[in-house]
Amino acid sequence: MDLTLLDRALAEAGEPRFRSRQVWEWTARGASSYGEMTNLPATLRSRLEESVAFSTLRLEREARAGDGTEKALFETTDGRPVEAVLMRYRDGRRSLCLSSQSGCPLTCTFCATGQMKFGRNLSASEILDQALHFRRREAVNHAVFMGMGEPLLNLDAVLAACERLPELGIATSHTAISTVGWIPGIERLAEDGPRVRLALSLHAAEESLRSELMPVNDRYPLPEVLQACRDWSAARRLPVFVEYLMLDGVNDRYEQAVALAEALTPAETFKVNLIPYNPTDADFAGSSRAAIAAFRAALEEHGVRATVRLTRGRDIDAASGQLAATTG
């Protein structure tokens, strides 16, 4: 819900300040209407139903994958599309993939969102309403800002949302923000806001190839980005997660793994997450399992920790890089 509008409506009604906190506590615990908020006067509940919409987002469509992943397509009050994903894991994790913008202005060539028309930044309430949509169904405990948009271009709203996520059951230590390498945002994260995790979308250690895949590299070259990440890691005392999308014949050769390992120094600062490519309209093919395994082995031979991401929701276009305002 629009928390600023809520505060204003309660003030206009002459209600004490603690009422706002009561409404939020019910909402964060998964309430689906004002009617459930039994410690609020009935007249106030009725007034809020008329003056403050329970969500800033309107659900358009949903889809569910065979692995239990769910994707929701929302529309903002001004008609902007937004997608969010709930990923269910056998170990009990319930992880949300949240969007920070409608569309994305950074046009990474492999990403479906980057091919959309950019809309605008989302408010903190619009970010939280993505999470609350799924919280009303079941408990959630992890969140990643890896949906639509570059989170560090909307950092005020992202940090405001992160401050409230623990009240939904998502600890700060279980929240990660992914960036293409927007240095001013990385620098700010080293000093400001909750101690969330940082993930760097890297995908190539060679400058020319990375610029080809990610035009933002021309503005913030990889060596400068990695130094900003090292500074963040030293300030926060946390490792940096490196996301590396495996593209057949593009960035998956042995010598490219060696170049990546050489760039990621000191090795203990970084942990690489190799991501199988999820099909989009872009002209790429994913690396084979054998190529991914060999790339991982090469990294580990050179002292870099590496894992392979478990792909979720591919059959409903809900996996990494596939969000583009559709539900399959």
C-alpha atoms as a PDB file:
ATOM      1  CA  MET A   1       0.000   0.000   0.000  1.00  0.00           C
ATOM      2  CA  ASP A   2       1.009   3.608  -0.395  1.00  0.00           C
ATOM      3  CA  LEU A   3       2.469   4.197   3.058  1.00  0.00           C
ATOM      4  CA  THR A   4       2.738   7.969   2.551  1.00  0.00           C
ATOM      5  CA  LEU A   5      -0.928   8.141   1.604  1.00  0.00           C
ATOM      6  CA  LEU A   6      -1.766   5.951   4.605  1.00  0.00           C
ATOM      7  CA  ASP A   7      -0.010   8.344   6.993  1.00  0.00           C
ATOM      8  CA  ARG A   8      -1.826  11.310   5.462  1.00  0.00           C
ATOM      9  CA  ALA A   9      -5.228   9.626   5.600  1.00  0.00           C
ATOM     10  CA  LEU A  10      -4.762   8.695   9.255  1.00  0.00           C
ATOM     11  CA  ALA A  11      -3.621  12.212  10.137  1.00  0.00           C
ATOM     12  CA  GLU A  12      -6.624  13.725   8.372  1.00  0.00           C
ATOM     13  CA  ALA A  13      -8.863  11.368  10.315  1.00  0.00           C
ATOM     14  CA  GLY A  14      -7.338  12.613  13.582  1.00  0.00           C
ATOM     15  CA  GLU A  15      -5.961   9.173  14.433  1.00  0.00           C
ATOM     16  CA  PRO A  16      -2.950   8.736  16.736  1.00  0.00           C
ATOM     17  CA  ARG A  17       0.384   8.019  15.061  1.00  0.00           C
ATOM     18  CA  PHE A  18       0.512   4.412  16.278  1.00  0.00           C
ATOM     19  CA  ARG A  19      -2.367   3.525  13.949  1.00  0.00           C
ATOM     20  CA  SER A  20      -0.031   3.593  10.959  1.00  0.00           C
ATOM     21  CA  ARG A  21       2.211   1.097  12.695  1.00  0.00           C
ATOM     22  CA  GLN A  22      -0.739  -1.160  13.474  1.00  0.00           C
ATOM     23  CA  VAL A  23      -1.854  -1.183   9.830  1.00  0.00           C
ATOM     24  CA  TRP A  24       1.660  -1.942   8.620  1.00  0.00           C
ATOM     25  CA  GLU A  25       2.175  -4.772  11.134  1.00  0.00           C
ATOM     26  CA  TRP A  26      -1.010  -6.489   9.939  1.00  0.00           C
ATOM     27  CA  THR A  27      -0.007  -5.991   6.317  1.00  0.00           C
ATOM     28  CA  ALA A  28       3.533  -7.297   6.831  1.00  0.00           C
ATOM     29  CA  ARG A  29       2.173 -10.430   8.515  1.00  0.00           C
ATOM     30  CA  GLY A  30       0.123 -11.240   5.433  1.00  0.00           C
ATOM     31  CA  ALA A  31      -3.282  -9.665   6.026  1.00  0.00           C
ATOM     32  CA  SER A  32      -5.278  -9.456   2.805  1.00  0.00           C
ATOM     33  CA  SER A  33      -7.721  -6.687   3.790  1.00  0.00           C
ATOM     34  CA  TYR A  34      -8.380  -3.968   6.338  1.00  0.00           C
ATOM     35  CA  GLY A  35     -11.245  -6.093   7.626  1.00  0.00           C
ATOM     36  CA  GLU A  36      -8.750  -8.494   9.230  1.00  0.00           C
ATOM     37  CA  MET A  37      -7.215  -5.743  11.371  1.00  0.00           C
ATOM     38  CA  THR A  38      -9.311  -6.391  14.429  1.00  0.00           C
ATOM     39  CA  ASN A  39      -7.480  -3.974  16.758  1.00  0.00           C
ATOM     40  CA  LEU A  40      -8.557  -1.042  14.570  1.00  0.00           C
ATOM     41  CA  PRO A  41     -12.001   0.527  15.067  1.00  0.00           C
ATOM     42  CA  ALA A  42     -14.536  -0.715  12.526  1.00  0.00           C
ATOM     43  CA  THR A  43     -15.248   2.839  11.377  1.00  0.00           C
ATOM     44  CA  LEU A  44     -11.565   3.416  10.667  1.00  0.00           C
ATOM     45  CA  ARG A  45     -11.296   0.175   8.721  1.00  0.00           C
ATOM     46  CA  SER A  46     -14.201   1.249   6.551  1.00  0.00           C
ATOM     47  CA  ARG A  47     -12.684   4.670   6.005  1.00  0.00           C
ATOM     48  CA  LEU A  48      -9.340   3.192   4.965  1.00  0.00           C
ATOM     49  CA  GLU A  49     -11.016   0.849   2.505  1.00  0.00           C
ATOM     50  CA  GLU A  50     -12.437   3.893   0.768  1.00  0.00           C
ATOM     51  CA  SER A  51      -9.387   6.188   0.921  1.00  0.00           C
ATOM     52  CA  VAL A  52      -6.248   4.000   0.733  1.00  0.00           C
ATOM     53  CA  ALA A  53      -6.014   1.145  -1.769  1.00  0.00           C
ATOM     54  CA  PHE A  54      -4.663  -2.012  -0.163  1.00  0.00           C
ATOM     55  CA  SER A  55      -2.014  -2.274  -2.891  1.00  0.00           C
ATOM     56  CA  THR A  56      -0.320   0.188  -5.237  1.00  0.00           C
ATOM     57  CA  LEU A  57      -0.242  -2.570  -7.871  1.00  0.00           C
ATOM     58  CA  ARG A  58      -3.020  -4.291  -9.791  1.00  0.00           C
ATOM     59  CA  LEU A  59      -2.485  -7.976 -10.531  1.00  0.00           C
ATOM     60  CA  GLU A  60      -2.850  -8.629 -14.259  1.00  0.00           C
ATOM     61  CA  ARG A  61      -1.828 -12.261 -14.703  1.00  0.00           C
ATOM     62  CA  GLU A  62       0.019 -15.081 -12.981  1.00  0.00           C
ATOM     63  CA  ALA A  63       1.803 -18.207 -14.141  1.00  0.00           C
ATOM     64  CA  ARG A  64       3.181 -21.225 -12.307  1.00  0.00           C
ATOM     65  CA  ALA A  65       6.094 -23.335 -13.502  1.00  0.00           C
ATOM     66  CA  GLY A  66       6.472 -27.069 -13.112  1.00  0.00           C
ATOM     67  CA  ASP A  67       9.101 -26.537 -10.403  1.00  0.00           C
ATOM     68  CA  GLY A  68       6.697 -24.487  -8.271  1.00  0.00           C
ATOM     69  CA  THR A  69       8.043 -21.075  -9.260  1.00  0.00           C
ATOM     70  CA  GLU A  70       5.356 -18.408  -9.611  1.00  0.00           C
ATOM     71  CA  LYS A  71       5.507 -15.218 -11.656  1.00  0.00           C
ATOM     72  CA  ALA A  72       3.123 -12.311 -11.266  1.00  0.00           C
ATOM     73  CA  LEU A  73       2.592  -9.494 -13.757  1.00  0.00           C
ATOM     74  CA  PHE A  74       1.337  -6.302 -12.162  1.00  0.00           C
ATOM     75  CA  GLU A  75       0.340  -2.888 -13.430  1.00  0.00           C
ATOM     76  CA  THR A  76       0.968   0.336 -11.554  1.00  0.00           C
ATOM     77  CA  THR A  77      -1.738   2.967 -11.171  1.00  0.00           C
ATOM     78  CA  ASP A  78      -0.284   4.820 -14.170  1.00  0.00           C
ATOM     79  CA  GLY A  79      -0.232   1.711 -16.352  1.00  0.00           C
ATOM     80  CA  ARG A  80       3.403   0.583 -16.030  1.00  0.00           C
ATOM     81  CA  PRO A  81       4.139  -3.165 -16.174  1.00  0.00           C
ATOM     82  CA  VAL A  82       6.042  -4.796 -13.296  1.00  0.00           C
ATOM     83  CA  GLU A  83       6.962  -8.438 -12.752  1.00  0.00           C
ATOM     84  CA  ALA A  84       7.966 -10.331  -9.612  1.00  0.00           C
ATOM     85  CA  VAL A  85       8.769 -13.974  -8.975  1.00  0.00           C
ATOM     86  CA  LEU A  86       8.465 -16.388  -6.043  1.00  0.00           C
ATOM     87  CA  MET A  87      10.964 -19.264  -6.133  1.00  0.00           C
ATOM     88  CA  ARG A  88      10.335 -22.296  -3.935  1.00  0.00           C
ATOM     89  CA  TYR A  89      13.185 -24.611  -2.934  1.00  0.00           C
ATOM     90  CA  ARG A  90      13.161 -28.035  -1.322  1.00  0.00           C
ATOM     91  CA  ASP A  91      15.277 -26.809   1.599  1.00  0.00           C
ATOM     92  CA  GLY A  92      12.477 -24.471   2.669  1.00  0.00           C
ATOM     93  CA  ARG A  93      13.720 -21.262   1.079  1.00  0.00           C
ATOM     94  CA  ARG A  94      11.027 -19.039  -0.333  1.00  0.00           C
ATOM     95  CA  SER A  95      12.907 -16.437  -2.341  1.00  0.00           C
ATOM     96  CA  LEU A  96      11.412 -13.367  -4.006  1.00  0.00           C
ATOM     97  CA  CYS A  97      12.858 -11.796  -7.122  1.00  0.00           C
ATOM     98  CA  LEU A  98      11.817  -8.143  -6.965  1.00  0.00           C
ATOM     99  CA  SER A  99      11.800  -5.382  -9.575  1.00  0.00           C
ATOM    100  CA  SER A 100      13.041  -1.869  -8.870  1.00  0.00           C
ATOM    101  CA  GLN A 101      12.012  -0.256 -12.162  1.00  0.00           C
ATOM    102  CA  SER A 102       9.421  -0.804 -14.876  1.00  0.00           C
ATOM    103  CA  GLY A 103      11.684  -1.834 -17.719  1.00  0.00           C
ATOM    104  CA  CYS A 104      15.393  -0.962 -17.633  1.00  0.00           C
ATOM    105  CA  PRO A 105      17.372   1.841 -19.278  1.00  0.00           C
ATOM    106  CA  LEU A 106      20.688  -0.044 -19.506  1.00  0.00           C
ATOM    107  CA  THR A 107      19.985  -2.319 -22.549  1.00  0.00           C
ATOM    108  CA  CYS A 108      22.151  -5.354 -21.773  1.00  0.00           C
ATOM    109  CA  THR A 109      21.987  -7.385 -24.979  1.00  0.00           C
ATOM    110  CA  PHE A 110      21.186 -10.740 -23.359  1.00  0.00           C
ATOM    111  CA  CYS A 111      18.376  -9.502 -21.094  1.00  0.00           C
ATOM    112  CA  ALA A 112      14.711  -9.402 -22.092  1.00  0.00           C
ATOM    113  CA  THR A 113      13.980  -6.524 -19.713  1.00  0.00           C
ATOM    114  CA  GLY A 114      16.685  -4.440 -21.371  1.00  0.00           C
ATOM    115  CA  GLN A 115      14.849  -4.728 -24.678  1.00  0.00           C
ATOM    116  CA  MET A 116      11.672  -3.236 -23.200  1.00  0.00           C
ATOM    117  CA  LYS A 117      10.808   0.441 -23.289  1.00  0.00           C
ATOM    118  CA  PHE A 118      11.940   1.940 -20.000  1.00  0.00           C
ATOM    119  CA  GLY A 119       9.056   3.220 -17.889  1.00  0.00           C
ATOM    120  CA  ARG A 120      10.161   4.703 -14.577  1.00  0.00           C
ATOM    121  CA  ASN A 121      11.548   4.016 -11.133  1.00  0.00           C
ATOM    122  CA  LEU A 122       9.233   2.234  -8.727  1.00  0.00           C
ATOM    123  CA  SER A 123       8.376   3.668  -5.328  1.00  0.00           C
ATOM    124  CA  ALA A 124       9.301   1.849  -2.127  1.00  0.00           C
ATOM    125  CA  SER A 125       5.625   0.978  -1.689  1.00  0.00           C
ATOM    126  CA  GLU A 126       5.440  -0.507  -5.195  1.00  0.00           C
ATOM    127  CA  ILE A 127       8.501  -2.622  -4.437  1.00  0.00           C
ATOM    128  CA  LEU A 128       7.061  -3.792  -1.121  1.00  0.00           C
ATOM    129  CA  ASP A 129       3.696  -4.588  -2.705  1.00  0.00           C
ATOM    130  CA  GLN A 130       5.407  -7.126  -4.958  1.00  0.00           C
ATOM    131  CA  ALA A 131       6.690  -8.891  -1.857  1.00  0.00           C
ATOM    132  CA  LEU A 132       3.401  -8.541   0.018  1.00  0.00           C
ATOM    133  CA  HIS A 133       1.495 -10.168  -2.842  1.00  0.00           C
ATOM    134  CA  PHE A 134       3.342 -13.429  -2.200  1.00  0.00           C
ATOM    135  CA  ARG A 135       3.575 -12.958   1.588  1.00  0.00           C
ATOM    136  CA  ARG A 136      -0.224 -13.138   1.752  1.00  0.00           C
ATOM    137  CA  ARG A 137       0.019 -16.704   0.459  1.00  0.00           C
ATOM    138  CA  GLU A 138       2.890 -18.082   2.497  1.00  0.00           C
ATOM    139  CA  ALA A 139       5.931 -17.161   4.576  1.00  0.00           C
ATOM    140  CA  VAL A 140       8.898 -15.807   2.621  1.00  0.00           C
ATOM    141  CA  ASN A 141      12.502 -15.620   3.811  1.00  0.00           C
ATOM    142  CA  HIS A 142      14.822 -14.446   1.013  1.00  0.00           C
ATOM    143  CA  ALA A 143      14.789 -11.588  -1.502  1.00  0.00           C
ATOM    144  CA  VAL A 144      16.926 -10.631  -4.481  1.00  0.00           C
ATOM    145  CA  PHE A 145      16.707  -7.388  -6.426  1.00  0.00           C
ATOM    146  CA  MET A 146      17.319  -9.132  -9.732  1.00  0.00           C
ATOM    147  CA  GLY A 147      14.003  -8.450 -11.435  1.00  0.00           C
ATOM    148  CA  MET A 148      13.273  -5.582 -13.789  1.00  0.00           C
ATOM    149  CA  GLY A 149      15.617  -2.617 -13.642  1.00  0.00           C
ATOM    150  CA  GLU A 150      18.968  -1.552 -12.211  1.00  0.00           C
ATOM    151  CA  PRO A 151      18.421  -1.240  -8.443  1.00  0.00           C
ATOM    152  CA  LEU A 152      21.260   1.224  -7.907  1.00  0.00           C
ATOM    153  CA  LEU A 153      19.555   3.720 -10.228  1.00  0.00           C
ATOM    154  CA  ASN A 154      16.652   3.765  -7.763  1.00  0.00           C
ATOM    155  CA  LEU A 155      18.586   3.353  -4.561  1.00  0.00           C
ATOM    156  CA  ASP A 156      16.507   5.537  -2.235  1.00  0.00           C
ATOM    157  CA  ALA A 157      13.387   3.455  -2.869  1.00  0.00           C
ATOM    158  CA  VAL A 158      15.287   0.151  -2.824  1.00  0.00           C
ATOM    159  CA  LEU A 159      16.897   0.914   0.539  1.00  0.00           C
ATOM    160  CA  ALA A 160      13.581   2.087   1.982  1.00  0.00           C
ATOM    161  CA  ALA A 161      12.051  -1.240   0.941  1.00  0.00           C
ATOM    162  CA  CYS A 162      15.020  -3.170   2.371  1.00  0.00           C
ATOM    163  CA  GLU A 163      14.498  -1.477   5.734  1.00  0.00           C
ATOM    164  CA  ARG A 164      10.997  -2.982   5.931  1.00  0.00           C
ATOM    165  CA  LEU A 165      11.617  -6.435   4.453  1.00  0.00           C
ATOM    166  CA  PRO A 166      12.663  -7.945   7.825  1.00  0.00           C
ATOM    167  CA  GLU A 167       9.134  -7.292   9.068  1.00  0.00           C
ATOM    168  CA  LEU A 168       7.880  -9.589   6.289  1.00  0.00           C
ATOM    169  CA  GLY A 169      10.256 -12.298   7.502  1.00  0.00           C
ATOM    170  CA  ILE A 170      13.183 -11.549   5.168  1.00  0.00           C
ATOM    171  CA  ALA A 171      16.350 -10.870   7.152  1.00  0.00           C
ATOM    172  CA  THR A 172      18.808  -8.280   5.867  1.00  0.00           C
ATOM    173  CA  SER A 173      21.423 -11.038   5.583  1.00  0.00           C
ATOM    174  CA  HIS A 174      19.040 -12.854   3.200  1.00  0.00           C
ATOM    175  CA  THR A 175      18.560  -9.843   0.917  1.00  0.00           C
ATOM    176  CA  ALA A 176      20.777  -9.231  -2.132  1.00  0.00           C
ATOM    177  CA  ILE A 177      20.986  -6.314  -4.530  1.00  0.00           C
ATOM    178  CA  SER A 178      22.281  -7.036  -8.033  1.00  0.00           C
ATOM    179  CA  THR A 179      23.963  -4.356 -10.124  1.00  0.00           C
ATOM    180  CA  VAL A 180      25.575  -4.134 -13.563  1.00  0.00           C
ATOM    181  CA  GLY A 181      28.308  -2.090 -11.913  1.00  0.00           C
ATOM    182  CA  TRP A 182      26.815   1.345 -11.207  1.00  0.00           C
ATOM    183  CA  ILE A 183      29.728   2.709  -9.199  1.00  0.00           C
ATOM    184  CA  PRO A 184      28.012   5.635  -7.396  1.00  0.00           C
ATOM    185  CA  GLY A 185      25.454   3.193  -6.022  1.00  0.00           C
ATOM    186  CA  ILE A 186      28.079   0.658  -4.963  1.00  0.00           C
ATOM    187  CA  GLU A 187      29.971   3.404  -3.148  1.00  0.00           C
ATOM    188  CA  ARG A 188      26.834   4.501  -1.365  1.00  0.00           C
ATOM    189  CA  LEU A 189      25.957   0.926  -0.374  1.00  0.00           C
ATOM    190  CA  ALA A 190      29.309   0.669   1.374  1.00  0.00           C
ATOM    191  CA  GLU A 191      28.203   3.337   3.843  1.00  0.00           C
ATOM    192  CA  ASP A 192      24.426   3.681   3.701  1.00  0.00           C
ATOM    193  CA  GLY A 193      21.438   1.500   4.444  1.00  0.00           C
ATOM    194  CA  PRO A 194      21.124  -2.015   5.875  1.00  0.00           C
ATOM    195  CA  ARG A 195      23.956  -4.520   5.468  1.00  0.00           C
ATOM    196  CA  VAL A 196      22.497  -6.308   2.454  1.00  0.00           C
ATOM    197  CA  ARG A 197      24.438  -8.579   0.094  1.00  0.00           C
ATOM    198  CA  LEU A 198      25.921  -7.270  -3.158  1.00  0.00           C
ATOM    199  CA  ALA A 199      25.885  -9.133  -6.465  1.00  0.00           C
ATOM    200  CA  LEU A 200      27.763  -7.931  -9.551  1.00  0.00           C
ATOM    201  CA  SER A 201      26.443  -8.807 -12.999  1.00  0.00           C
ATOM    202  CA  LEU A 202      29.785  -9.278 -14.809  1.00  0.00           C
ATOM    203  CA  HIS A 203      29.550 -11.797 -17.719  1.00  0.00           C
ATOM    204  CA  ALA A 204      32.941 -11.069 -19.324  1.00  0.00           C
ATOM    205  CA  ALA A 205      36.382 -10.155 -18.020  1.00  0.00           C
ATOM    206  CA  GLU A 206      37.541  -8.679 -21.355  1.00  0.00           C
ATOM    207  CA  GLU A 207      36.664  -5.001 -21.650  1.00  0.00           C
ATOM    208  CA  SER A 208      35.616  -5.089 -25.319  1.00  0.00           C
ATOM    209  CA  LEU A 209      33.365  -8.127 -24.895  1.00  0.00           C
ATOM    210  CA  ARG A 210      31.792  -6.797 -21.714  1.00  0.00           C
ATOM    211  CA  SER A 211      31.022  -3.493 -23.443  1.00  0.00           C
ATOM    212  CA  GLU A 212      29.447  -5.438 -26.289  1.00  0.00           C
ATOM    213  CA  LEU A 213      27.225  -7.364 -23.895  1.00  0.00           C
ATOM    214  CA  MET A 214      26.696  -4.528 -21.403  1.00  0.00           C
ATOM    215  CA  PRO A 215      27.009  -0.970 -22.793  1.00  0.00           C
ATOM    216  CA  VAL A 216      27.274   0.404 -19.239  1.00  0.00           C
ATOM    217  CA  ASN A 217      30.873  -0.883 -19.256  1.00  0.00           C
ATOM    218  CA  ASP A 218      31.838   2.069 -21.454  1.00  0.00           C
ATOM    219  CA  ARG A 219      30.760   4.404 -18.661  1.00  0.00           C
ATOM    220  CA  TYR A 220      32.087   2.374 -15.740  1.00  0.00           C
ATOM    221  CA  PRO A 221      34.945   0.088 -16.905  1.00  0.00           C
ATOM    222  CA  LEU A 222      35.307  -3.245 -15.175  1.00  0.00           C
ATOM    223  CA  PRO A 223      38.585  -2.512 -13.304  1.00  0.00           C
ATOM    224  CA  GLU A 224      36.957   0.513 -11.655  1.00  0.00           C
ATOM    225  CA  VAL A 225      33.826  -1.492 -10.875  1.00  0.00           C
ATOM    226  CA  LEU A 226      35.825  -4.289  -9.265  1.00  0.00           C
ATOM    227  CA  GLN A 227      37.722  -1.798  -7.130  1.00  0.00           C
ATOM    228  CA  ALA A 228      34.430  -0.319  -5.947  1.00  0.00           C
ATOM    229  CA  CYS A 229      33.303  -3.856  -5.079  1.00  0.00           C
ATOM    230  CA  ARG A 230      36.511  -4.501  -3.128  1.00  0.00           C
ATOM    231  CA  ASP A 231      35.953  -1.282  -1.188  1.00  0.00           C
ATOM    232  CA  TRP A 232      32.349  -2.311  -0.491  1.00  0.00           C
ATOM    233  CA  SER A 233      33.497  -5.739   0.706  1.00  0.00           C
ATOM    234  CA  ALA A 234      36.078  -4.213   3.037  1.00  0.00           C
ATOM    235  CA  ALA A 235      33.532  -1.781   4.485  1.00  0.00           C
ATOM    236  CA  ARG A 236      30.745  -4.329   4.919  1.00  0.00           C
ATOM    237  CA  ARG A 237      32.958  -7.360   5.655  1.00  0.00           C
ATOM    238  CA  LEU A 238      31.003  -9.485   3.203  1.00  0.00           C
ATOM    239  CA  PRO A 239      31.949 -11.261  -0.037  1.00  0.00           C
ATOM    240  CA  VAL A 240      30.768 -10.020  -3.417  1.00  0.00           C
ATOM    241  CA  PHE A 241      28.708 -12.449  -5.477  1.00  0.00           C
ATOM    242  CA  VAL A 242      29.633 -12.365  -9.163  1.00  0.00           C
ATOM    243  CA  GLU A 243      26.945 -13.350 -11.656  1.00  0.00           C
ATOM    244  CA  TYR A 244      28.322 -14.812 -14.875  1.00  0.00           C
ATOM    245  CA  LEU A 245      25.906 -15.793 -17.632  1.00  0.00           C
ATOM    246  CA  MET A 246      27.215 -18.735 -19.651  1.00  0.00           C
ATOM    247  CA  LEU A 247      26.872 -18.001 -23.402  1.00  0.00           C
ATOM    248  CA  ASP A 248      27.936 -20.648 -25.884  1.00  0.00           C
ATOM    249  CA  GLY A 249      30.971 -19.575 -27.897  1.00  0.00           C
ATOM    250  CA  VAL A 250      30.874 -16.079 -26.441  1.00  0.00           C
ATOM    251  CA  ASN A 251      32.307 -16.125 -22.918  1.00  0.00           C
ATOM    252  CA  ASP A 252      32.731 -19.785 -21.960  1.00  0.00           C
ATOM    253  CA  ARG A 253      36.262 -20.690 -23.107  1.00  0.00           C
ATOM    254  CA  TYR A 254      39.035 -21.859 -20.765  1.00  0.00           C
ATOM    255  CA  GLU A 255      41.152 -18.763 -21.332  1.00  0.00           C
ATOM    256  CA  GLN A 256      38.143 -16.594 -20.466  1.00  0.00           C
ATOM    257  CA  ALA A 257      37.776 -18.432 -17.171  1.00  0.00           C
ATOM    258  CA  VAL A 258      41.453 -17.779 -16.463  1.00  0.00           C
ATOM    259  CA  ALA A 259      41.023 -14.074 -17.307  1.00  0.00           C
ATOM    260  CA  LEU A 260      38.046 -13.898 -14.963  1.00  0.00           C
ATOM    261  CA  ALA A 261      39.999 -15.551 -12.150  1.00  0.00           C
ATOM    262  CA  GLU A 262      42.872 -13.119 -12.651  1.00  0.00           C
ATOM    263  CA  ALA A 263      40.485 -10.158 -12.490  1.00  0.00           C
ATOM    264  CA  LEU A 264      38.823 -11.343  -9.275  1.00  0.00           C
ATOM    265  CA  THR A 265      41.569 -10.619  -6.796  1.00  0.00           C
ATOM    266  CA  PRO A 266      41.855 -11.150  -3.933  1.00  0.00           C
ATOM    267  CA  ALA A 267      39.977 -14.385  -4.548  1.00  0.00           C
ATOM    268  CA  GLU A 268      38.449 -14.467  -1.061  1.00  0.00           C
ATOM    269  CA  THR A 269      36.540 -11.258  -1.829  1.00  0.00           C
ATOM    270  CA  PHE A 270      34.505 -12.854  -4.616  1.00  0.00           C
ATOM    271  CA  LYS A 271      32.294 -15.860  -5.186  1.00  0.00           C
ATOM    272  CA  VAL A 272      31.202 -16.641  -8.749  1.00  0.00           C
ATOM    273  CA  ASN A 273      27.721 -17.874  -9.584  1.00  0.00           C
ATOM    274  CA  LEU A 274      27.638 -19.369 -13.090  1.00  0.00           C
ATOM    275  CA  ILE A 275      24.203 -18.917 -14.645  1.00  0.00           C
ATOM    276  CA  PRO A 276      22.899 -21.201 -17.407  1.00  0.00           C
ATOM    277  CA  TYR A 277      21.473 -19.009 -20.150  1.00  0.00           C
ATOM    278  CA  ASN A 278      17.694 -18.794 -20.214  1.00  0.00           C
ATOM    279  CA  PRO A 279      16.258 -18.289 -23.720  1.00  0.00           C
ATOM    280  CA  THR A 280      15.050 -14.811 -24.737  1.00  0.00           C
ATOM    281  CA  ASP A 281      14.604 -13.134 -28.115  1.00  0.00           C
ATOM    282  CA  ALA A 282      18.312 -12.257 -28.105  1.00  0.00           C
ATOM    283  CA  ASP A 283      20.601 -14.084 -30.533  1.00  0.00           C
ATOM    284  CA  PHE A 284      22.451 -16.202 -27.981  1.00  0.00           C
ATOM    285  CA  ALA A 285      22.621 -19.876 -27.061  1.00  0.00           C
ATOM    286  CA  GLY A 286      23.449 -21.304 -23.679  1.00  0.00           C
ATOM    287  CA  SER A 287      26.679 -23.118 -22.908  1.00  0.00           C
ATOM    288  CA  SER A 288      26.523 -26.893 -22.576  1.00  0.00           C
ATOM    289  CA  ARG A 289      26.639 -28.554 -19.176  1.00  0.00           C
ATOM    290  CA  ALA A 290      30.125 -29.817 -20.010  1.00  0.00           C
ATOM    291  CA  ALA A 291      31.314 -26.310 -20.878  1.00  0.00           C
ATOM    292  CA  ILE A 292      29.872 -24.907 -17.656  1.00  0.00           C
ATOM    293  CA  ALA A 293      31.513 -27.662 -15.619  1.00  0.00           C
ATOM    294  CA  ALA A 294      34.871 -27.033 -17.310  1.00  0.00           C
ATOM    295  CA  PHE A 295      34.598 -23.291 -16.747  1.00  0.00           C
ATOM    296  CA  ARG A 296      33.847 -23.852 -13.080  1.00  0.00           C
ATOM    297  CA  ALA A 297      36.793 -26.240 -12.752  1.00  0.00           C
ATOM    298  CA  ALA A 298      39.121 -23.668 -14.333  1.00  0.00           C
ATOM    299  CA  LEU A 299      37.997 -21.002 -11.871  1.00  0.00           C
ATOM    300  CA  GLU A 300      38.489 -23.298  -8.905  1.00  0.00           C
ATOM    301  CA  GLU A 301      41.937 -24.341 -10.193  1.00  0.00           C
ATOM    302  CA  HIS A 302      42.858 -20.668  -9.938  1.00  0.00           C
ATOM    303  CA  GLY A 303      41.490 -20.294  -6.411  1.00  0.00           C
ATOM    304  CA  VAL A 304      38.094 -18.716  -7.165  1.00  0.00           C
ATOM    305  CA  ARG A 305      35.002 -20.163  -5.499  1.00  0.00           C
ATOM    306  CA  ALA A 306      32.271 -20.985  -8.021  1.00  0.00           C
ATOM    307  CA  THR A 307      28.806 -22.512  -8.043  1.00  0.00           C
ATOM    308  CA  VAL A 308      26.246 -23.167 -10.779  1.00  0.00           C
ATOM    309  CA  ARG A 309      22.864 -21.550 -10.291  1.00  0.00           C
ATOM    310  CA  LEU A 310      19.837 -23.805 -10.156  1.00  0.00           C
ATOM    311  CA  THR A 311      17.515 -22.486 -12.845  1.00  0.00           C
ATOM    312  CA  ARG A 312      13.936 -21.870 -11.704  1.00  0.00           C
ATOM    313  CA  GLY A 313      10.859 -20.915 -13.693  1.00  0.00           C
ATOM    314  CA  ARG A 314      12.337 -21.179 -17.191  1.00  0.00           C
ATOM    315  CA  ASP A 315       9.129 -22.644 -18.663  1.00  0.00           C
ATOM    316  CA  ILE A 316       7.157 -19.504 -17.723  1.00  0.00           C
ATOM    317  CA  ASP A 317       9.889 -16.977 -18.640  1.00  0.00           C
ATOM    318  CA  ALA A 318      10.536 -16.311 -14.957  1.00  0.00           C
ATOM    319  CA  ALA A 319      14.232 -17.203 -14.863  1.00  0.00           C
ATOM    320  CA  SER A 320      17.232 -14.884 -14.833  1.00  0.00           C
ATOM    321  CA  GLY A 321      17.154 -12.411 -17.721  1.00  0.00           C
ATOM    322  CA  GLN A 322      13.669 -13.393 -18.921  1.00  0.00           C
ATOM    323  CA  LEU A 323      11.408 -10.820 -17.229  1.00  0.00           C
ATOM    324  CA  ALA A 324       9.703  -8.768 -19.934  1.00  0.00           C
ATOM    325  CA  ALA A 325       6.122  -8.160 -18.760  1.00  0.00           C
ATOM    326  CA  THR A 326       4.675 -11.487 -19.853  1.00  0.00           C
ATOM    327  CA  THR A 327       3.446 -14.571 -18.013  1.00  0.00           C
ATOM    328  CA  GLY A 328       4.300 -17.167 -20.621  1.00  0.00           C
END
